[in-house]
Protein backbone atom coordinates (compact mmCIF):
# COMPACT_ATOMS: atom_id res chain seq x y z
CA MET A 1 1.13 15.31 -9.42
CA ILE A 2 1.05 11.92 -7.98
CA SER A 3 4.74 10.70 -6.42
CA VAL A 4 4.56 6.52 -6.87
CA VAL A 5 7.53 4.65 -4.68
CA ILE A 6 8.37 1.48 -6.09
CA PRO A 7 10.44 -0.49 -3.99
CA ILE A 8 11.78 -3.65 -5.67
CA TYR A 9 13.08 -7.03 -4.15
CA TYR A 10 14.49 -9.96 -6.57
CA LYS A 11 11.21 -9.56 -8.44
CA SER A 12 9.62 -11.11 -12.14
CA SER A 13 11.08 -8.65 -14.58
CA GLU A 14 7.69 -9.51 -16.64
CA ILE A 15 5.36 -8.63 -13.27
CA ILE A 16 7.80 -5.32 -12.60
CA THR A 17 7.50 -4.20 -16.62
CA LYS A 18 3.21 -4.61 -16.10
CA CYS A 19 3.78 -2.78 -13.09
CA PHE A 20 5.72 0.01 -14.58
CA ILE A 21 3.59 0.44 -18.16
CA SER A 22 0.18 -0.03 -15.25
CA VAL A 23 1.64 3.35 -14.04
CA LEU A 24 2.62 4.83 -17.37
CA ASP A 25 -0.61 4.50 -18.29
CA GLN A 26 -2.92 6.19 -15.86
CA GLN A 27 -4.73 9.31 -16.82
CA THR A 28 -2.87 11.76 -14.38
CA HIS A 29 0.84 13.05 -13.98
CA THR A 30 2.90 10.64 -11.89
CA GLU A 31 6.58 11.03 -11.22
CA ILE A 32 8.20 6.75 -10.38
CA LEU A 33 10.35 6.88 -7.87
CA VAL A 34 12.18 3.14 -7.91
CA ILE A 35 14.05 2.42 -4.79
CA GLU A 36 16.26 -0.88 -4.26
CA ASN A 37 14.44 -3.00 -1.36
CA ALA A 38 18.24 -3.97 -0.01
CA ASP A 39 17.26 -3.03 3.53
CA GLY A 40 13.21 -3.69 3.57
CA ALA A 41 10.18 -2.65 2.26
CA GLY A 42 10.35 0.15 5.00
CA ALA A 43 13.82 1.63 4.73
CA ALA A 44 12.51 1.75 0.92
CA ARG A 45 9.33 3.62 1.19
CA ASN A 46 10.98 5.98 3.48
CA GLU A 47 13.94 6.31 1.21
CA GLY A 48 10.85 6.97 -2.09
CA LEU A 49 8.79 9.38 0.57
CA SER A 50 11.82 11.34 1.13
CA LYS A 51 12.36 12.01 -1.85
CA ALA A 52 8.71 12.80 -3.57
CA THR A 53 7.37 15.13 -4.25
CA GLY A 54 3.87 15.12 -5.26
CA LYS A 55 1.03 16.16 -3.85
CA TYR A 56 -0.17 12.58 -3.40
CA VAL A 57 2.29 9.74 -3.01
CA LEU A 58 1.05 5.90 -3.77
CA PHE A 59 3.50 2.85 -2.09
CA LEU A 60 3.15 0.61 -5.22
CA ASP A 61 4.63 -3.50 -4.59
CA GLY A 62 6.26 -3.56 -8.03
CA ASP A 63 4.86 -7.12 -8.22
CA CYS A 64 1.06 -4.75 -8.62
CA VAL A 65 -0.51 -3.62 -11.24
CA LEU A 66 -2.84 -0.68 -11.61
CA GLU A 67 -5.89 -0.75 -13.08
CA PRO A 68 -6.14 2.33 -15.24
CA TYR A 69 -8.42 4.39 -13.60
CA SER A 70 -6.62 3.77 -10.36
CA LEU A 71 -4.62 6.78 -10.52
CA PHE A 72 -7.07 9.39 -11.52
CA THR A 73 -9.71 8.19 -9.15
CA MET A 74 -7.94 8.04 -6.43
CA GLU A 75 -7.03 11.81 -6.96
CA ALA A 76 -10.07 13.05 -7.76
CA LEU A 77 -12.08 12.22 -4.41
CA LEU A 78 -8.83 13.55 -2.55
CA GLU A 79 -8.97 16.95 -4.26
CA ASN A 80 -12.35 17.35 -3.39
CA SER A 81 -12.77 15.66 0.62
CA ASP A 82 -10.76 16.40 3.43
CA HIS A 83 -9.92 12.35 3.52
CA ALA A 84 -5.90 11.39 3.93
CA PHE A 85 -6.48 8.43 1.80
CA VAL A 86 -8.38 6.66 -0.49
CA TYR A 87 -7.62 2.03 0.01
CA GLY A 88 -9.91 -0.34 -2.53
CA ASP A 89 -10.61 -3.84 -3.52
CA TYR A 90 -7.43 -5.93 -5.38
CA TYR A 91 -7.56 -8.85 -6.66
CA ARG A 92 -4.78 -11.43 -5.82
CA LYS A 93 -3.00 -13.84 -8.80
CA GLY A 94 -0.50 -16.14 -8.71
CA VAL A 95 0.35 -18.68 -5.46
CA TRP A 96 -1.91 -17.65 -3.76
CA GLU A 97 -4.81 -20.02 -1.97
CA GLY A 98 -7.79 -19.06 -1.61
CA GLU A 99 -10.29 -16.00 -2.93
CA SER A 100 -8.86 -14.00 -5.82
CA TYR A 101 -10.42 -10.84 -4.71
CA TYR A 102 -9.63 -8.95 -2.03
CA ARG A 103 -12.81 -7.25 -1.22
CA SER A 104 -12.16 -4.51 1.94
CA LYS A 105 -14.54 -2.41 3.40
CA PRO A 106 -15.70 1.30 4.38
CA PHE A 107 -13.72 2.85 6.57
CA ASN A 108 -14.02 2.68 10.80
CA HIS A 109 -11.25 3.37 12.97
CA LYS A 110 -11.95 0.98 15.66
CA ALA A 111 -12.63 -1.74 12.52
CA LEU A 112 -9.36 -0.70 11.95
CA LYS A 113 -7.93 -0.70 15.61
CA LEU A 114 -9.18 -4.87 15.97
CA SER A 115 -6.88 -5.68 12.55
CA ASN A 116 -5.88 -4.51 8.94
CA TYR A 117 -8.25 -4.48 6.04
CA ILE A 118 -6.41 -2.27 3.88
CA SER A 119 -3.85 -2.42 1.76
CA THR A 120 -0.58 -0.77 1.11
CA MET A 121 -1.37 0.01 -2.45
CA SER A 122 -3.57 3.22 -0.92
CA LEU A 123 -3.91 7.32 -2.24
CA VAL A 124 -1.97 9.65 0.71
CA ARG A 125 -1.96 13.18 1.44
CA ARG A 126 2.17 13.34 1.59
CA LYS A 127 2.25 16.01 3.92
CA ILE A 128 0.46 14.34 6.04
CA ALA A 129 2.65 10.65 5.14
CA PRO A 130 4.73 9.79 8.17
CA GLN A 131 7.63 6.54 8.16
CA TRP A 132 6.83 3.66 8.16
CA ASP A 133 8.50 1.25 10.56
CA GLU A 134 11.29 -0.39 9.10
CA SER A 135 11.75 -2.49 12.22
CA LEU A 136 9.06 -4.10 11.34
CA LYS A 137 8.94 -6.93 8.66
CA ARG A 138 5.27 -8.23 8.00
CA CYS A 139 1.75 -5.47 9.18
CA ASN A 140 4.24 -3.10 8.57
CA ASP A 141 1.00 -1.68 6.87
CA TRP A 142 -0.83 -2.36 9.74
CA ASP A 143 0.97 -0.34 11.24
CA TYR A 144 1.14 2.88 8.65
CA TRP A 145 -2.51 3.40 8.20
CA LEU A 146 -2.42 3.41 12.59
CA ASN A 147 -0.33 6.17 12.73
CA ILE A 148 -2.05 8.24 10.54
CA CYS A 149 -5.82 7.21 12.44
CA LEU A 150 -3.86 8.96 15.54
CA GLN A 151 -3.35 12.54 14.30
CA GLY A 152 -6.99 12.05 13.70
CA TYR A 153 -6.72 11.35 10.00
CA LYS A 154 -9.20 8.75 7.84
CA GLY A 155 -9.44 7.49 4.88
CA TYR A 156 -11.85 6.71 1.73
CA TYR A 157 -12.89 3.37 0.44
CA LEU A 158 -13.52 3.36 -3.09
CA ASN A 159 -15.77 0.38 -3.90
CA LYS A 160 -13.64 -1.64 -7.06
CA PRO A 161 -11.14 -3.04 -7.19
CA ILE A 162 -7.20 -1.13 -7.43
CA PHE A 163 -5.01 -3.02 -8.68
CA THR A 164 -3.61 -6.67 -9.30
CA ALA A 165 -0.80 -8.49 -6.37
CA TYR A 166 0.86 -11.31 -8.64
CA TYR A 167 2.48 -13.79 -5.88
CA THR A 168 5.02 -15.77 -5.94
CA LYS A 169 6.33 -18.90 -3.09
CA ASP A 170 9.32 -16.40 -1.58
CA ASP A 171 6.83 -13.38 -0.94
CA ILE A 172 6.62 -12.19 2.82
CA SER A 173 3.21 -12.65 2.35
CA MET A 174 3.52 -15.85 2.24
CA SER A 175 5.12 -16.81 5.20
CA GLY A 176 2.85 -18.83 7.49
CA LYS A 177 0.08 -17.80 9.24
CA GLU A 178 2.24 -18.40 12.55
CA ASP A 179 5.01 -15.75 11.46
CA TYR A 180 1.99 -13.00 10.71
CA GLU A 181 0.21 -13.72 14.62
CA LYS A 182 3.62 -12.81 16.02
CA ALA A 183 3.85 -9.66 13.37
CA LYS A 184 -0.13 -9.12 14.82
CA GLU A 185 0.71 -8.67 18.31
CA ILE A 186 3.71 -7.00 17.90
CA VAL A 187 1.90 -4.43 16.18
CA ARG A 188 -0.95 -4.54 19.65
CA LYS A 189 1.28 -4.06 21.21
CA LYS A 190 2.96 -1.03 19.72
CA HIS A 191 -0.41 0.99 20.00
CA GLY A 192 -1.25 -0.71 23.28
CA LEU A 193 -4.85 -2.70 21.29
């Protein structure tokens, strides 16, 4: 079973409904854990992780909508490999300016130390899933994947779109390049990069 942890924080009810329906439409057995995001995304994800019972866990933001095949495909890959997590590409819609398709790249630990290319919306083996750093408001996904890799684990790149992210002007990811660079520097210092 897959535990899907969905932090909710002031999102459009239309997008949240699409998010839930996209999980319910998956071709695999899931439990959905909806966590109110009052103390930040990291705290919400940690609360969801503590309640999860599935073999795998997906941290799914409430403004993301899964492709119909996503969980079934990612689960099958983890069932038949020794990878710790599976990630892929995604579409960007809403107020996002720039490319509407984010293409990731094959897993490489050295490249990950330089910058993040792995989305939060990735399927992880629950038994090795670490806690999220609740002090980080941005780049917490980069920190998360680095922590998993420090344990000697690796990820698998699924070269296809997994979800669509819907951006609004209030999203933390839209808070500006200066905030993003500061957050990256915090993660670099934390990991000695």
